[in-house]
N, C-alpha and C. Protein backbone atom coordinates (compact mmCIF):
# COMPACT_ATOMS: atom_id res chain seq x y z
N MET A 1 78.37 103.17 106.49
CA MET A 1 77.81 103.89 105.47
C MET A 1 78.86 103.67 104.22
N ALA A 2 78.31 103.72 103.30
CA ALA A 2 79.02 103.49 101.89
C ALA A 2 78.95 104.63 100.88
N ARG A 3 79.79 105.26 100.45
CA ARG A 3 79.63 106.47 99.68
C ARG A 3 80.30 105.73 98.00
N VAL A 4 79.33 106.29 97.09
CA VAL A 4 79.89 105.87 95.73
C VAL A 4 80.26 107.22 94.87
N SER A 5 81.19 107.43 94.53
CA SER A 5 81.78 108.43 94.19
C SER A 5 82.09 108.45 92.75
N LYS A 6 81.49 109.85 91.93
CA LYS A 6 82.64 109.74 90.50
C LYS A 6 82.75 110.96 90.32
N GLY A 7 84.24 111.55 90.40
CA GLY A 7 84.53 112.78 90.14
C GLY A 7 85.63 113.59 91.22
N ALA A 8 86.13 114.49 91.06
CA ALA A 8 87.22 114.98 91.81
C ALA A 8 86.18 115.61 93.19
N LYS A 9 85.25 116.38 93.04
CA LYS A 9 84.76 117.12 94.29
C LYS A 9 84.42 116.15 95.59
N ALA A 10 83.86 115.00 95.03
CA ALA A 10 83.69 113.86 96.06
C ALA A 10 84.78 113.42 96.85
N ALA A 11 85.83 113.59 96.65
CA ALA A 11 87.31 113.15 97.37
C ALA A 11 87.57 114.28 98.28
N SER A 12 86.94 115.68 98.38
CA SER A 12 87.80 116.68 98.84
C SER A 12 87.77 116.17 100.42
N GLY A 13 88.70 116.28 101.14
CA GLY A 13 88.93 115.80 102.45
C GLY A 13 89.25 114.53 102.72
N GLY A 14 89.33 113.89 101.61
CA GLY A 14 89.47 112.42 101.58
C GLY A 14 91.28 111.90 101.56
N THR A 15 91.63 110.87 101.43
CA THR A 15 92.96 110.31 101.61
C THR A 15 93.37 110.56 100.08
N PRO A 16 94.76 110.43 100.31
CA PRO A 16 95.46 110.60 98.68
C PRO A 16 94.86 109.55 97.71
N ALA A 17 94.53 108.12 98.58
CA ALA A 17 93.87 107.12 97.56
C ALA A 17 92.62 107.63 97.05
N THR A 18 91.63 108.01 97.76
CA THR A 18 90.40 108.38 97.33
C THR A 18 90.45 109.68 96.34
N VAL A 19 91.38 110.66 96.50
CA VAL A 19 91.51 111.51 95.75
C VAL A 19 92.09 111.23 94.23
N ALA A 20 92.96 110.23 94.45
CA ALA A 20 93.30 109.73 93.06
C ALA A 20 92.18 108.99 92.18
N ALA A 21 91.34 108.03 93.11
CA ALA A 21 90.46 107.45 92.44
C ALA A 21 89.52 108.31 91.92
N SER A 22 89.03 109.69 92.55
CA SER A 22 88.09 110.74 92.39
C SER A 22 88.70 111.26 90.88
N ARG A 23 90.07 111.70 91.09
CA ARG A 23 90.21 112.36 89.65
C ARG A 23 90.47 111.79 88.52
N ALA A 24 90.50 110.44 88.32
CA ALA A 24 90.71 109.29 87.50
C ALA A 24 89.37 109.20 86.88
N GLY A 25 88.22 109.43 87.89
CA GLY A 25 86.55 109.46 87.18
C GLY A 25 86.31 108.05 87.48
N ILE A 26 86.72 107.44 88.17
CA ILE A 26 86.12 105.96 88.31
C ILE A 26 85.05 106.08 89.41
N VAL A 27 84.25 105.12 89.34
CA VAL A 27 83.33 104.91 90.63
C VAL A 27 83.75 103.56 91.47
N PHE A 28 83.63 104.15 92.71
CA PHE A 28 84.16 103.45 93.75
C PHE A 28 83.05 103.51 95.10
N THR A 29 83.15 102.69 95.89
CA THR A 29 82.59 102.95 97.12
C THR A 29 83.41 102.59 98.28
N LEU A 30 83.24 103.45 99.35
CA LEU A 30 83.88 103.69 100.53
C LEU A 30 83.06 102.69 101.69
N HIS A 31 84.00 102.35 102.40
CA HIS A 31 83.39 101.12 103.29
C HIS A 31 84.15 101.62 104.78
N PRO A 32 83.82 102.53 105.46
CA PRO A 32 84.55 102.35 106.97
C PRO A 32 84.18 101.23 107.90
N TYR A 33 84.76 101.17 108.88
CA TYR A 33 84.33 100.06 109.75
C TYR A 33 85.32 100.37 110.92
N GLU A 34 85.02 99.73 112.17
CA GLU A 34 85.72 100.08 113.26
C GLU A 34 86.83 99.25 113.25
N VAL A 35 88.01 99.73 113.62
CA VAL A 35 89.52 98.80 114.00
C VAL A 35 89.27 98.09 114.99
N ASP A 36 89.77 96.99 115.22
CA ASP A 36 89.85 96.08 116.16
C ASP A 36 91.51 96.14 116.54
N ALA A 37 91.87 97.17 117.45
CA ALA A 37 93.35 97.03 117.64
C ALA A 37 93.93 95.86 118.18
N SER A 38 93.41 95.03 118.83
CA SER A 38 93.86 93.58 119.42
C SER A 38 94.07 92.81 118.06
N ALA A 39 93.59 92.95 116.92
CA ALA A 39 93.49 91.91 115.72
C ALA A 39 95.03 91.56 115.14
N GLU A 40 95.36 90.47 115.12
CA GLU A 40 96.43 89.85 114.64
C GLU A 40 96.81 90.41 113.18
N SER A 41 95.65 90.50 112.45
CA SER A 41 95.85 90.60 110.97
C SER A 41 94.69 91.71 110.65
N TYR A 42 95.27 92.77 110.19
CA TYR A 42 94.71 94.33 109.73
C TYR A 42 93.49 93.50 108.71
N GLY A 43 93.91 93.25 107.78
CA GLY A 43 93.38 92.66 106.76
C GLY A 43 91.89 91.63 107.03
N GLU A 44 92.51 90.62 107.68
CA GLU A 44 91.46 89.66 108.45
C GLU A 44 90.24 90.27 108.99
N ALA A 45 90.83 91.37 110.08
CA ALA A 45 90.15 92.08 110.64
C ALA A 45 88.95 92.88 110.00
N ALA A 46 89.36 93.44 108.75
CA ALA A 46 88.52 94.23 107.97
C ALA A 46 87.65 93.63 107.12
N ALA A 47 88.18 92.47 106.76
CA ALA A 47 87.18 91.40 106.03
C ALA A 47 86.06 91.12 107.20
N ALA A 48 86.32 90.87 108.30
CA ALA A 48 85.32 90.62 109.17
C ALA A 48 84.40 91.30 109.33
N ALA A 49 85.06 92.51 109.77
CA ALA A 49 84.02 93.91 110.10
C ALA A 49 83.16 94.22 108.94
N LEU A 50 83.70 94.00 107.65
CA LEU A 50 82.73 94.28 106.50
C LEU A 50 81.64 93.25 106.08
N GLY A 51 82.23 91.70 106.63
CA GLY A 51 81.42 90.78 106.19
C GLY A 51 81.68 90.53 104.68
N VAL A 52 83.04 90.78 104.20
CA VAL A 52 83.42 90.26 102.73
C VAL A 52 84.19 89.48 102.91
N PRO A 53 84.07 88.26 101.98
CA PRO A 53 85.12 87.21 101.98
C PRO A 53 86.51 87.52 101.88
N PRO A 54 87.45 87.04 102.88
CA PRO A 54 88.74 87.36 102.75
C PRO A 54 89.46 87.33 101.47
N GLU A 55 89.01 86.54 100.40
CA GLU A 55 89.85 86.33 99.22
C GLU A 55 89.48 87.56 98.33
N ARG A 56 88.32 88.10 98.78
CA ARG A 56 88.11 89.38 97.78
C ARG A 56 88.47 90.83 98.49
N LEU A 57 89.24 90.74 99.28
CA LEU A 57 89.58 92.23 100.21
C LEU A 57 91.04 91.89 100.21
N PHE A 58 91.97 92.75 99.41
CA PHE A 58 93.32 92.58 99.31
C PHE A 58 94.13 93.71 100.05
N LYS A 59 95.39 92.78 100.42
CA LYS A 59 96.38 93.70 101.15
C LYS A 59 97.43 94.11 100.27
N THR A 60 97.98 95.24 100.82
CA THR A 60 99.00 95.88 100.05
C THR A 60 100.05 95.78 100.91
N LEU A 61 101.38 95.10 100.18
CA LEU A 61 102.45 94.52 100.77
C LEU A 61 103.80 95.37 100.11
N LEU A 62 104.62 95.82 100.94
CA LEU A 62 105.92 96.37 99.97
C LEU A 62 107.18 95.19 100.54
N ALA A 63 107.79 94.96 99.10
CA ALA A 63 108.86 94.01 99.36
C ALA A 63 110.11 94.61 98.68
N GLU A 64 111.19 94.43 98.99
CA GLU A 64 112.49 95.10 98.28
C GLU A 64 113.06 93.76 97.35
N VAL A 65 112.89 94.23 96.17
CA VAL A 65 113.29 93.16 94.82
C VAL A 65 114.15 93.74 94.29
N ASP A 66 115.20 92.88 94.56
CA ASP A 66 116.84 92.95 94.39
C ASP A 66 117.15 94.78 94.63
N GLY A 67 116.50 94.95 95.75
CA GLY A 67 117.27 96.25 96.26
C GLY A 67 116.10 97.48 96.09
N SER A 68 115.09 97.11 95.32
CA SER A 68 114.19 98.19 94.87
C SER A 68 112.66 97.96 95.51
N LEU A 69 112.11 98.72 95.89
CA LEU A 69 110.99 98.85 96.44
C LEU A 69 109.92 98.34 95.64
N THR A 70 108.81 97.17 95.83
CA THR A 70 107.94 96.84 94.87
C THR A 70 106.63 96.59 95.50
N VAL A 71 105.46 96.83 94.73
CA VAL A 71 104.14 96.73 95.65
C VAL A 71 103.60 95.42 95.25
N GLY A 72 103.15 94.46 96.32
CA GLY A 72 102.53 93.33 95.90
C GLY A 72 100.79 93.43 96.78
N VAL A 73 99.88 92.99 95.98
CA VAL A 73 98.61 93.28 96.32
C VAL A 73 98.14 91.95 96.19
N VAL A 74 97.67 91.21 97.39
CA VAL A 74 97.04 90.06 97.52
C VAL A 74 96.10 89.80 98.37
N PRO A 75 95.23 88.93 98.59
CA PRO A 75 94.24 88.67 99.09
C PRO A 75 94.53 88.54 100.50
N VAL A 76 93.66 88.78 101.77
CA VAL A 76 93.97 88.54 102.92
C VAL A 76 94.12 87.35 103.50
N SER A 77 93.14 86.27 102.69
CA SER A 77 93.43 85.15 102.82
C SER A 77 94.69 84.45 102.78
N GLY A 78 95.61 85.10 102.09
CA GLY A 78 96.86 84.21 101.56
C GLY A 78 97.97 85.13 101.80
N ARG A 79 99.34 84.51 101.40
CA ARG A 79 100.63 85.10 101.90
C ARG A 79 101.19 85.76 100.56
N LEU A 80 101.98 86.68 100.38
CA LEU A 80 102.85 87.15 99.31
C LEU A 80 103.96 86.47 99.16
N ASP A 81 103.76 85.52 97.79
CA ASP A 81 104.92 84.71 97.37
C ASP A 81 106.02 85.50 97.01
N LEU A 82 107.04 85.83 97.97
CA LEU A 82 108.02 86.73 97.22
C LEU A 82 108.91 86.05 96.27
N LYS A 83 109.14 84.84 95.97
CA LYS A 83 109.64 84.39 94.72
C LYS A 83 108.84 84.72 93.49
N ALA A 84 107.64 84.65 93.91
CA ALA A 84 106.78 84.89 92.39
C ALA A 84 106.52 86.38 91.99
N LEU A 85 106.69 87.27 93.28
CA LEU A 85 106.75 88.68 92.76
C LEU A 85 108.01 89.09 92.37
N ALA A 86 109.16 88.94 92.89
CA ALA A 86 110.24 89.02 92.23
C ALA A 86 110.15 88.55 90.43
N ALA A 87 109.97 87.36 90.46
CA ALA A 87 109.93 87.16 89.08
C ALA A 87 108.99 87.98 88.38
N ALA A 88 107.87 88.40 88.72
CA ALA A 88 106.54 89.10 88.06
C ALA A 88 107.61 90.34 87.52
N VAL A 89 108.43 90.81 88.19
CA VAL A 89 108.89 92.07 87.98
C VAL A 89 110.56 92.27 87.11
N GLY A 90 110.66 90.75 87.08
CA GLY A 90 112.11 90.54 86.24
C GLY A 90 113.07 90.36 87.27
N GLY A 91 112.81 90.33 88.70
CA GLY A 91 114.02 90.15 89.73
C GLY A 91 114.28 88.91 90.06
N LYS A 92 115.39 88.65 90.96
CA LYS A 92 116.12 87.44 91.37
C LYS A 92 115.66 87.20 92.96
N ARG A 93 115.67 88.07 93.75
CA ARG A 93 115.35 88.04 95.10
C ARG A 93 114.55 88.90 95.71
N ALA A 94 113.74 88.70 96.60
CA ALA A 94 112.66 89.71 97.38
C ALA A 94 112.87 89.41 98.82
N GLN A 95 112.82 90.49 99.38
CA GLN A 95 112.32 90.18 101.06
C GLN A 95 111.32 91.37 101.52
N MET A 96 110.48 91.03 102.41
CA MET A 96 109.77 92.25 103.12
C MET A 96 110.54 93.44 103.28
N ALA A 97 109.56 94.30 103.19
CA ALA A 97 110.27 95.69 103.16
C ALA A 97 110.11 96.19 104.78
N ALA A 98 111.04 96.90 105.17
CA ALA A 98 111.09 97.06 106.77
C ALA A 98 109.92 98.34 106.78
N PRO A 99 108.69 98.03 107.70
CA PRO A 99 107.89 98.69 107.76
C PRO A 99 108.00 100.63 107.40
N ALA A 100 109.18 100.92 108.12
CA ALA A 100 109.49 102.56 108.21
C ALA A 100 109.72 102.71 106.79
N ASP A 101 110.23 102.09 105.99
CA ASP A 101 110.85 102.15 104.35
C ASP A 101 109.50 102.07 103.68
N ALA A 102 108.50 101.22 104.16
CA ALA A 102 107.15 101.36 103.53
C ALA A 102 106.47 102.32 103.75
N GLU A 103 106.28 102.92 104.84
CA GLU A 103 105.40 104.15 105.32
C GLU A 103 106.21 105.34 104.31
N ARG A 104 107.26 105.40 104.44
CA ARG A 104 108.01 106.37 104.10
C ARG A 104 107.87 106.60 102.47
N ALA A 105 107.93 105.36 101.80
CA ALA A 105 107.77 105.32 100.26
C ALA A 105 106.13 105.76 99.94
N THR A 106 105.38 105.34 100.91
CA THR A 106 104.23 105.39 100.43
C THR A 106 103.07 106.47 100.97
N GLY A 107 103.41 107.04 102.03
CA GLY A 107 102.97 107.98 102.88
C GLY A 107 101.70 107.44 103.49
N TYR A 108 101.68 106.32 103.68
CA TYR A 108 100.67 105.69 104.51
C TYR A 108 101.25 104.69 105.72
N VAL A 109 100.44 104.64 106.65
CA VAL A 109 100.94 103.96 108.01
C VAL A 109 100.72 102.33 107.63
N VAL A 110 101.63 101.50 108.15
CA VAL A 110 101.25 100.18 108.06
C VAL A 110 99.71 99.87 108.64
N GLY A 111 99.44 98.94 107.95
CA GLY A 111 97.66 98.72 108.53
C GLY A 111 96.85 99.54 107.65
N GLY A 112 97.28 100.54 106.77
CA GLY A 112 96.35 101.53 106.30
C GLY A 112 97.15 101.63 104.77
N ILE A 113 97.64 101.05 104.02
CA ILE A 113 98.74 101.20 103.03
C ILE A 113 97.79 100.62 101.80
N SER A 114 97.61 101.91 100.82
CA SER A 114 96.60 101.88 99.98
C SER A 114 97.63 101.57 98.51
N PRO A 115 97.15 100.86 97.65
CA PRO A 115 98.03 100.62 96.41
C PRO A 115 97.79 102.09 95.64
N LEU A 116 96.69 102.66 95.99
CA LEU A 116 96.42 103.96 95.16
C LEU A 116 96.78 105.30 95.74
N GLY A 117 97.28 106.21 94.95
CA GLY A 117 97.84 107.81 95.74
C GLY A 117 98.93 107.28 96.55
N GLN A 118 100.06 106.47 96.28
CA GLN A 118 101.14 106.54 97.20
C GLN A 118 102.15 107.73 96.49
N ARG A 119 102.98 108.05 97.53
CA ARG A 119 103.89 109.03 97.70
C ARG A 119 104.87 109.04 96.54
N LYS A 120 105.48 107.75 96.31
CA LYS A 120 106.12 107.57 95.17
C LYS A 120 105.47 106.58 94.25
N ARG A 121 105.63 106.87 92.96
CA ARG A 121 105.62 105.53 92.04
C ARG A 121 106.30 104.62 91.98
N LEU A 122 105.91 103.46 92.51
CA LEU A 122 106.36 102.16 92.53
C LEU A 122 105.95 100.98 91.68
N PRO A 123 106.52 99.85 91.12
CA PRO A 123 105.91 98.98 90.52
C PRO A 123 104.94 98.17 91.41
N VAL A 124 103.89 98.01 90.74
CA VAL A 124 102.81 97.43 91.54
C VAL A 124 102.55 95.89 90.83
N VAL A 125 102.27 94.85 91.63
CA VAL A 125 101.68 93.86 90.98
C VAL A 125 100.70 93.09 91.69
N VAL A 126 99.62 92.88 91.00
CA VAL A 126 98.24 92.55 91.81
C VAL A 126 98.16 91.13 91.45
N ASP A 127 97.59 90.22 92.42
CA ASP A 127 97.27 88.95 92.18
C ASP A 127 96.56 88.60 91.49
N GLU A 128 96.72 87.62 90.54
CA GLU A 128 95.75 87.74 89.38
C GLU A 128 94.25 87.17 89.82
N SER A 129 93.96 86.98 90.90
CA SER A 129 92.71 86.18 91.29
C SER A 129 91.57 87.53 91.64
N ALA A 130 92.34 88.74 91.44
CA ALA A 130 91.63 89.97 91.46
C ALA A 130 90.32 89.87 90.50
N SER A 131 90.97 89.38 89.30
CA SER A 131 90.06 89.43 88.15
C SER A 131 88.83 88.42 88.19
N ASP A 132 88.97 87.76 89.19
CA ASP A 132 87.89 86.63 89.72
C ASP A 132 86.30 87.48 90.13
N PHE A 133 86.51 88.77 90.41
CA PHE A 133 85.64 89.31 91.10
C PHE A 133 84.90 90.71 90.59
N PRO A 134 83.83 90.94 90.35
CA PRO A 134 83.20 92.39 89.75
C PRO A 134 84.09 93.43 90.55
N THR A 135 84.05 93.47 91.68
CA THR A 135 84.91 94.48 92.58
C THR A 135 85.95 93.98 93.39
N VAL A 136 86.83 94.67 94.02
CA VAL A 136 87.63 93.98 95.36
C VAL A 136 87.67 95.14 96.01
N TYR A 137 88.19 94.96 97.15
CA TYR A 137 88.31 95.84 98.36
C TYR A 137 89.88 96.02 98.50
N VAL A 138 90.40 97.27 98.59
CA VAL A 138 91.56 97.49 99.35
C VAL A 138 91.74 98.67 100.44
N SER A 139 92.89 98.81 100.82
CA SER A 139 92.85 99.92 101.63
C SER A 139 92.63 101.35 101.14
N ALA A 140 91.59 102.18 101.74
CA ALA A 140 91.71 103.57 101.08
C ALA A 140 92.59 104.56 101.54
N GLY A 141 93.45 103.91 102.40
CA GLY A 141 94.41 104.65 102.71
C GLY A 141 94.76 105.24 104.42
N ARG A 142 94.16 104.76 104.68
CA ARG A 142 93.88 104.65 106.60
C ARG A 142 93.23 103.12 107.06
N ARG A 143 93.70 103.10 108.23
CA ARG A 143 93.04 101.89 108.90
C ARG A 143 91.46 102.24 109.16
N GLY A 144 90.62 101.38 108.99
CA GLY A 144 89.35 101.66 109.08
C GLY A 144 88.62 102.08 107.96
N LEU A 145 89.04 102.11 106.54
CA LEU A 145 88.56 102.48 105.67
C LEU A 145 89.02 101.60 104.47
N GLN A 146 88.11 101.07 103.83
CA GLN A 146 88.24 100.46 102.67
C GLN A 146 87.82 101.07 101.43
N ILE A 147 88.28 100.77 99.96
CA ILE A 147 87.61 101.23 98.88
C ILE A 147 87.31 100.04 98.03
N GLU A 148 86.27 99.86 97.32
CA GLU A 148 85.93 99.07 96.83
C GLU A 148 85.80 99.60 95.21
N LEU A 149 86.18 98.75 94.38
CA LEU A 149 86.36 99.19 93.12
C LEU A 149 86.61 98.05 92.14
N ALA A 150 86.29 98.20 90.70
CA ALA A 150 86.71 97.09 89.91
C ALA A 150 87.94 96.90 89.42
N PRO A 151 88.49 95.56 89.71
CA PRO A 151 89.74 95.35 89.24
C PRO A 151 90.66 96.00 88.11
N ALA A 152 89.79 96.39 87.27
CA ALA A 152 90.44 97.00 86.06
C ALA A 152 90.71 98.19 86.27
N ASP A 153 89.97 99.16 87.17
CA ASP A 153 90.31 100.18 87.71
C ASP A 153 91.45 100.31 88.48
N LEU A 154 91.36 99.27 89.44
CA LEU A 154 92.67 99.15 90.24
C LEU A 154 94.03 99.00 89.34
N LEU A 155 94.01 97.99 88.34
CA LEU A 155 95.05 97.58 87.54
C LEU A 155 95.31 99.33 87.10
N ARG A 156 94.58 99.93 86.24
CA ARG A 156 94.79 101.10 85.50
C ARG A 156 95.47 102.26 86.37
N LEU A 157 94.67 102.49 87.58
CA LEU A 157 95.54 103.68 88.64
C LEU A 157 96.68 103.11 89.20
N THR A 158 96.99 101.91 89.14
CA THR A 158 98.29 101.75 89.64
C THR A 158 99.06 101.31 88.59
N GLU A 159 98.78 101.25 87.46
CA GLU A 159 99.80 100.89 86.27
C GLU A 159 100.22 99.57 86.75
N ALA A 160 99.28 98.71 87.35
CA ALA A 160 100.17 97.39 87.74
C ALA A 160 99.95 96.28 86.61
N ARG A 161 100.57 95.39 87.12
CA ARG A 161 100.32 94.00 86.12
C ARG A 161 99.95 92.93 86.99
N THR A 162 99.52 91.91 86.43
CA THR A 162 98.58 91.01 87.28
C THR A 162 99.71 89.79 87.04
N ALA A 163 99.73 88.88 88.31
CA ALA A 163 100.69 87.40 88.23
C ALA A 163 100.10 86.74 89.31
N VAL A 164 100.43 85.38 89.38
CA VAL A 164 100.15 84.97 90.62
C VAL A 164 101.15 84.86 91.58
N ILE A 165 100.87 85.96 92.53
CA ILE A 165 101.74 86.12 93.42
C ILE A 165 101.19 85.85 95.08
N GLY A 166 100.01 85.32 95.05
CA GLY A 166 99.53 85.03 96.34
C GLY A 166 99.48 83.58 96.64
N GLY A 167 100.22 83.09 97.80
CA GLY A 167 100.20 81.74 98.06
C GLY A 167 99.22 81.60 99.62
N ALA A 168 99.25 80.14 99.82
CA ALA A 168 98.51 79.90 100.85
C ALA A 168 98.93 79.86 102.11
């Protein structure tokens, strides 16, 4: 069941991501799906469950760039290019953040980390391939729920910059 929302009242009882999207007054669609606990990749499983091409569904990953947490948003069909992410934020070295650090900084659990409504405002870089689609899917803040929104709204809500950060 999908839900299109515009306005804060539609997000009552939602996740921080859906509340942030509603407060911003953007139109979005929620897509719940059954979580496959045995799946190796949360993102690939979500794309399959929703029947969405994996290059249109984006995963949210946290990395440490020169010691500071940074968010990378890349298609689930690819990998985060850590060197490209570091370069995109003016850094030199990047490594994946520890899951506990990612959860503490965002307020979400791994597999359900959304780029929207995070506990701490972190630098966000979205792979520029997002602009290839009229809408993209990202986690809505919990496993089993994706939010579909326009790439421009994703960039605006996260104050993100775009760069080629997704590798094969």
